[in-house]
């Protein structure tokens, strides 16, 4: 993750919400049981190794088999699947860019990504499993043990409940109040953006035009990347 995102937090906040609406729409249209057709796999064969192709079959199986599972089971399965099949690699090393938000296909196909890519992959997969978008948020935090900006996915059953944290640093799903190593900054999903407040969900904010990072990500998703 680029430090630019945190150091320019106010600018980022002012640009996110419209792009997030696009993000929400594309998530639902992109990943579903119908995604995994012959054409989809033919494209993957031309881009990734046979070993990675096998992982895509496992991803498809998870999404199809767990539609009716309990929510906590879905959270655990997706968290484990992501953390086992994607290895951490910085954007500089992986993409030769300071900051790059990979699509789920890119993350799974290359088998690597940074914290944002882990969180995005989990977010989209859980949406495909039918979890209500209002209960999921991507959250920017500062990881205090390594003193670096970081992204996690949080799940909240109700607006007043303690969020659960899905993370690639600590692979156990824990309540936010048990993650004292994380300092929340802000969270967002396709419905809006919230400034963080302690270990809670914080206050929703309103604002303007879209983020180029999300827009670029959605364009690549629409192109099947």
Protein backbone atom coordinates (compact mmCIF):
# COMPACT_ATOMS: atom_id res chain seq x y z
CA UNK A 1 0.00 0.00 0.00
CA UNK A 2 1.23 3.46 -0.79
CA UNK A 3 1.77 5.85 2.11
CA UNK A 4 0.31 8.48 -0.25
CA UNK A 5 -3.18 7.20 0.52
CA UNK A 6 -2.90 7.86 4.23
CA UNK A 7 -0.86 11.05 4.03
CA UNK A 8 -3.45 12.49 1.61
CA UNK A 9 -6.41 11.08 3.51
CA UNK A 10 -8.60 14.17 3.22
CA UNK A 11 -8.20 14.33 -0.55
CA UNK A 12 -9.00 10.63 -0.80
CA UNK A 13 -12.13 11.06 1.32
CA UNK A 14 -13.42 13.85 -0.91
CA UNK A 15 -13.04 11.73 -4.05
CA UNK A 16 -14.35 8.30 -3.04
CA UNK A 17 -18.15 8.02 -2.80
CA UNK A 18 -19.29 8.24 -6.45
CA UNK A 19 -16.68 5.70 -7.48
CA UNK A 20 -17.85 3.44 -4.67
CA UNK A 21 -21.34 3.33 -6.15
CA UNK A 22 -19.77 2.09 -9.37
CA UNK A 23 -17.69 -0.32 -7.32
CA UNK A 24 -20.80 -1.75 -5.68
CA UNK A 25 -22.64 -2.24 -8.97
CA UNK A 26 -19.67 -3.91 -10.65
CA UNK A 27 -19.06 -6.25 -7.74
CA UNK A 28 -22.49 -7.78 -8.05
CA UNK A 29 -22.35 -8.00 -11.85
CA UNK A 30 -18.81 -9.39 -11.86
CA UNK A 31 -18.80 -12.32 -9.44
CA UNK A 32 -21.63 -14.83 -9.38
CA UNK A 33 -22.18 -18.49 -10.08
CA UNK A 34 -22.63 -17.54 -13.76
CA UNK A 35 -19.18 -15.93 -13.93
CA UNK A 36 -17.39 -19.25 -14.21
CA UNK A 37 -18.24 -20.28 -17.77
CA UNK A 38 -16.18 -21.82 -20.58
CA UNK A 39 -15.15 -18.44 -21.97
CA UNK A 40 -13.97 -17.31 -18.52
CA UNK A 41 -11.67 -20.31 -18.16
CA UNK A 42 -10.41 -20.07 -21.74
CA UNK A 43 -9.24 -16.53 -21.03
CA UNK A 44 -7.55 -17.67 -17.83
CA UNK A 45 -5.67 -20.44 -19.67
CA UNK A 46 -4.03 -17.82 -21.86
CA UNK A 47 -2.91 -15.71 -18.92
CA UNK A 48 -2.08 -17.94 -15.97
CA UNK A 49 -0.44 -21.26 -15.14
CA UNK A 50 -2.26 -24.57 -14.81
CA UNK A 51 -1.55 -24.48 -11.08
CA UNK A 52 -3.29 -21.12 -10.72
CA UNK A 53 -6.16 -22.32 -12.90
CA UNK A 54 -6.81 -25.06 -10.35
CA UNK A 55 -7.16 -22.35 -7.69
CA UNK A 56 -9.85 -20.65 -9.76
CA UNK A 57 -11.79 -23.93 -9.86
CA UNK A 58 -11.57 -24.05 -6.07
CA UNK A 59 -12.79 -20.43 -5.88
CA UNK A 60 -15.76 -21.32 -8.08
CA UNK A 61 -16.51 -24.37 -5.92
CA UNK A 62 -16.45 -22.29 -2.75
CA UNK A 63 -18.84 -19.68 -4.16
CA UNK A 64 -21.28 -22.29 -5.45
CA UNK A 65 -21.16 -24.62 -2.45
CA UNK A 66 -21.43 -22.09 0.36
CA UNK A 67 -24.37 -19.94 -0.74
CA UNK A 68 -26.58 -21.27 2.06
CA UNK A 69 -23.91 -21.49 4.77
CA UNK A 70 -24.02 -19.50 8.01
CA UNK A 71 -22.44 -16.07 7.84
CA UNK A 72 -19.59 -16.88 10.23
CA UNK A 73 -18.78 -19.94 8.15
CA UNK A 74 -18.65 -17.80 5.01
CA UNK A 75 -16.36 -15.29 6.70
CA UNK A 76 -13.96 -17.98 7.88
CA UNK A 77 -13.90 -19.85 4.58
CA UNK A 78 -13.25 -16.74 2.49
CA UNK A 79 -10.66 -15.42 4.92
CA UNK A 80 -8.81 -18.75 4.90
CA UNK A 81 -9.08 -19.18 1.13
CA UNK A 82 -7.64 -15.74 0.46
CA UNK A 83 -4.84 -15.97 3.00
CA UNK A 84 -3.82 -19.43 1.76
CA UNK A 85 -3.92 -18.76 -1.97
CA UNK A 86 -2.59 -15.21 -2.18
CA UNK A 87 0.86 -14.31 -0.88
CA UNK A 88 1.81 -10.83 0.24
CA UNK A 89 3.87 -8.85 -2.25
CA UNK A 90 4.22 -5.07 -2.36
CA UNK A 91 2.97 -3.17 -5.40
CA UNK A 92 6.50 -2.05 -6.22
CA UNK A 93 7.78 -5.63 -6.39
CA UNK A 94 4.66 -7.14 -7.93
CA UNK A 95 3.42 -4.50 -10.37
CA UNK A 96 6.40 -2.11 -10.54
CA UNK A 97 4.05 0.66 -9.41
CA UNK A 98 3.87 2.70 -6.23
CA UNK A 99 0.20 1.88 -5.74
CA UNK A 100 -1.95 -0.56 -7.72
CA UNK A 101 -5.34 -1.98 -6.81
CA UNK A 102 -5.60 -5.44 -8.37
CA UNK A 103 -8.82 -7.11 -9.42
CA UNK A 104 -9.71 -10.43 -7.75
CA UNK A 105 -8.72 -12.24 -10.95
CA UNK A 106 -5.31 -10.55 -10.99
CA UNK A 107 -4.70 -11.34 -7.32
CA UNK A 108 -5.74 -14.98 -7.62
CA UNK A 109 -4.12 -15.48 -11.02
CA UNK A 110 -0.73 -14.17 -9.96
CA UNK A 111 -1.06 -15.58 -6.45
CA UNK A 112 0.10 -12.33 -4.90
CA UNK A 113 -1.08 -8.94 -3.71
CA UNK A 114 -0.77 -6.36 -0.97
CA UNK A 115 -3.18 -5.70 1.89
CA UNK A 116 -5.63 -3.80 -0.32
CA UNK A 117 -5.81 -6.71 -2.73
CA UNK A 118 -6.51 -9.20 0.08
CA UNK A 119 -9.33 -6.98 1.38
CA UNK A 120 -10.83 -6.37 -2.06
CA UNK A 121 -10.76 -10.09 -2.89
CA UNK A 122 -12.52 -10.98 0.37
CA UNK A 123 -15.06 -8.17 -0.04
CA UNK A 124 -16.08 -9.22 -3.54
CA UNK A 125 -16.17 -12.92 -2.75
CA UNK A 126 -18.39 -12.38 0.29
CA UNK A 127 -20.75 -10.25 -1.80
CA UNK A 128 -20.91 -13.13 -4.29
CA UNK A 129 -21.84 -15.39 -1.36
CA UNK A 130 -24.83 -13.20 -0.64
CA UNK A 131 -23.64 -11.21 2.36
CA UNK A 132 -25.36 -7.84 2.52
CA UNK A 133 -23.09 -5.04 1.38
CA UNK A 134 -24.20 -2.86 4.27
CA UNK A 135 -22.46 -5.28 6.65
CA UNK A 136 -19.09 -5.17 4.88
CA UNK A 137 -16.54 -2.38 4.75
CA UNK A 138 -13.00 -1.96 3.59
CA UNK A 139 -11.13 -0.13 6.35
CA UNK A 140 -7.91 1.82 6.22
CA UNK A 141 -5.95 1.49 9.45
CA UNK A 142 -2.43 1.96 10.73
CA UNK A 143 -0.82 -1.33 11.70
CA UNK A 144 0.95 -0.30 14.90
CA UNK A 145 3.26 -3.31 15.15
CA UNK A 146 4.90 -2.45 11.83
CA UNK A 147 3.98 1.26 11.88
CA UNK A 148 2.59 1.21 8.36
CA UNK A 149 -0.71 2.04 6.65
CA UNK A 150 -2.80 -1.07 6.11
CA UNK A 151 -6.20 -2.20 4.84
CA UNK A 152 -8.52 -4.81 6.33
CA UNK A 153 -12.07 -5.97 5.71
CA UNK A 154 -14.60 -5.60 8.51
CA UNK A 155 -17.98 -7.28 8.99
CA UNK A 156 -20.70 -5.85 11.25
CA UNK A 157 -23.90 -7.79 11.80
CA UNK A 158 -25.71 -4.62 12.89
CA UNK A 159 -24.70 -0.93 12.94
CA UNK A 160 -24.24 -1.13 16.71
CA UNK A 161 -22.40 -4.47 16.88
CA UNK A 162 -18.64 -4.80 17.29
CA UNK A 163 -17.06 -5.32 13.84
CA UNK A 164 -15.14 -8.49 13.05
CA UNK A 165 -11.78 -7.97 11.34
CA UNK A 166 -10.59 -10.06 8.38
CA UNK A 167 -6.88 -9.47 7.91
CA UNK A 168 -3.84 -10.88 6.15
CA UNK A 169 -1.43 -9.91 8.95
CA UNK A 170 -3.33 -11.67 11.73
CA UNK A 171 -5.27 -14.43 10.02
CA UNK A 172 -7.64 -15.05 12.96
CA UNK A 173 -10.99 -13.29 12.65
CA UNK A 174 -11.27 -11.19 15.81
CA UNK A 175 -13.57 -8.44 17.11
CA UNK A 176 -12.16 -4.97 16.47
CA UNK A 177 -11.76 -4.33 20.21
CA UNK A 178 -9.34 -7.28 20.33
CA UNK A 179 -7.17 -5.76 17.60
CA UNK A 180 -5.34 -3.12 19.61
CA UNK A 181 -2.55 -3.34 17.04
CA UNK A 182 -4.76 -1.53 14.51
CA UNK A 183 -5.58 2.19 14.60
CA UNK A 184 -8.68 2.81 12.42
CA UNK A 185 -8.70 5.75 10.02
CA UNK A 186 -11.76 5.39 7.77
CA UNK A 187 -13.92 2.70 6.20
CA UNK A 188 -16.00 2.49 3.05
CA UNK A 189 -18.16 0.30 0.83
CA UNK A 190 -20.44 0.83 -2.15
CA UNK A 191 -22.90 2.75 0.02
CA UNK A 192 -20.60 5.42 1.43
CA UNK A 193 -17.63 6.33 3.56
CA UNK A 194 -17.20 6.63 7.32
CA UNK A 195 -14.56 8.34 9.44
CA UNK A 196 -13.40 5.85 12.05
CA UNK A 197 -14.21 6.22 15.75
CA UNK A 198 -12.30 4.05 18.22
CA UNK A 199 -13.13 0.41 17.44
CA UNK A 200 -16.63 1.29 16.25
CA UNK A 201 -17.99 2.11 12.81
CA UNK A 202 -17.71 5.89 13.13
CA UNK A 203 -19.60 8.69 11.42
CA UNK A 204 -20.72 8.71 7.80
CA UNK A 205 -19.49 11.57 5.63
CA UNK A 206 -20.79 12.91 2.35
CA UNK A 207 -18.90 14.05 -0.68
CA UNK A 208 -18.01 14.46 -4.32
CA UNK A 209 -16.29 12.99 -7.35
CA UNK A 210 -14.71 9.58 -7.83
CA UNK A 211 -11.38 8.06 -6.97
CA UNK A 212 -9.19 7.23 -9.93
CA UNK A 213 -7.97 4.09 -8.15
CA UNK A 214 -11.46 2.61 -7.88
CA UNK A 215 -12.41 3.78 -11.37
CA UNK A 216 -9.34 2.12 -12.87
CA UNK A 217 -10.04 -1.05 -10.89
CA UNK A 218 -13.63 -1.21 -12.14
CA UNK A 219 -12.59 -0.63 -15.74
CA UNK A 220 -10.21 -3.59 -15.55
CA UNK A 221 -12.89 -5.76 -13.93
CA UNK A 222 -15.33 -4.92 -16.72
CA UNK A 223 -12.64 -5.93 -19.22
CA UNK A 224 -12.28 -9.28 -17.45
CA UNK A 225 -8.81 -8.67 -16.08
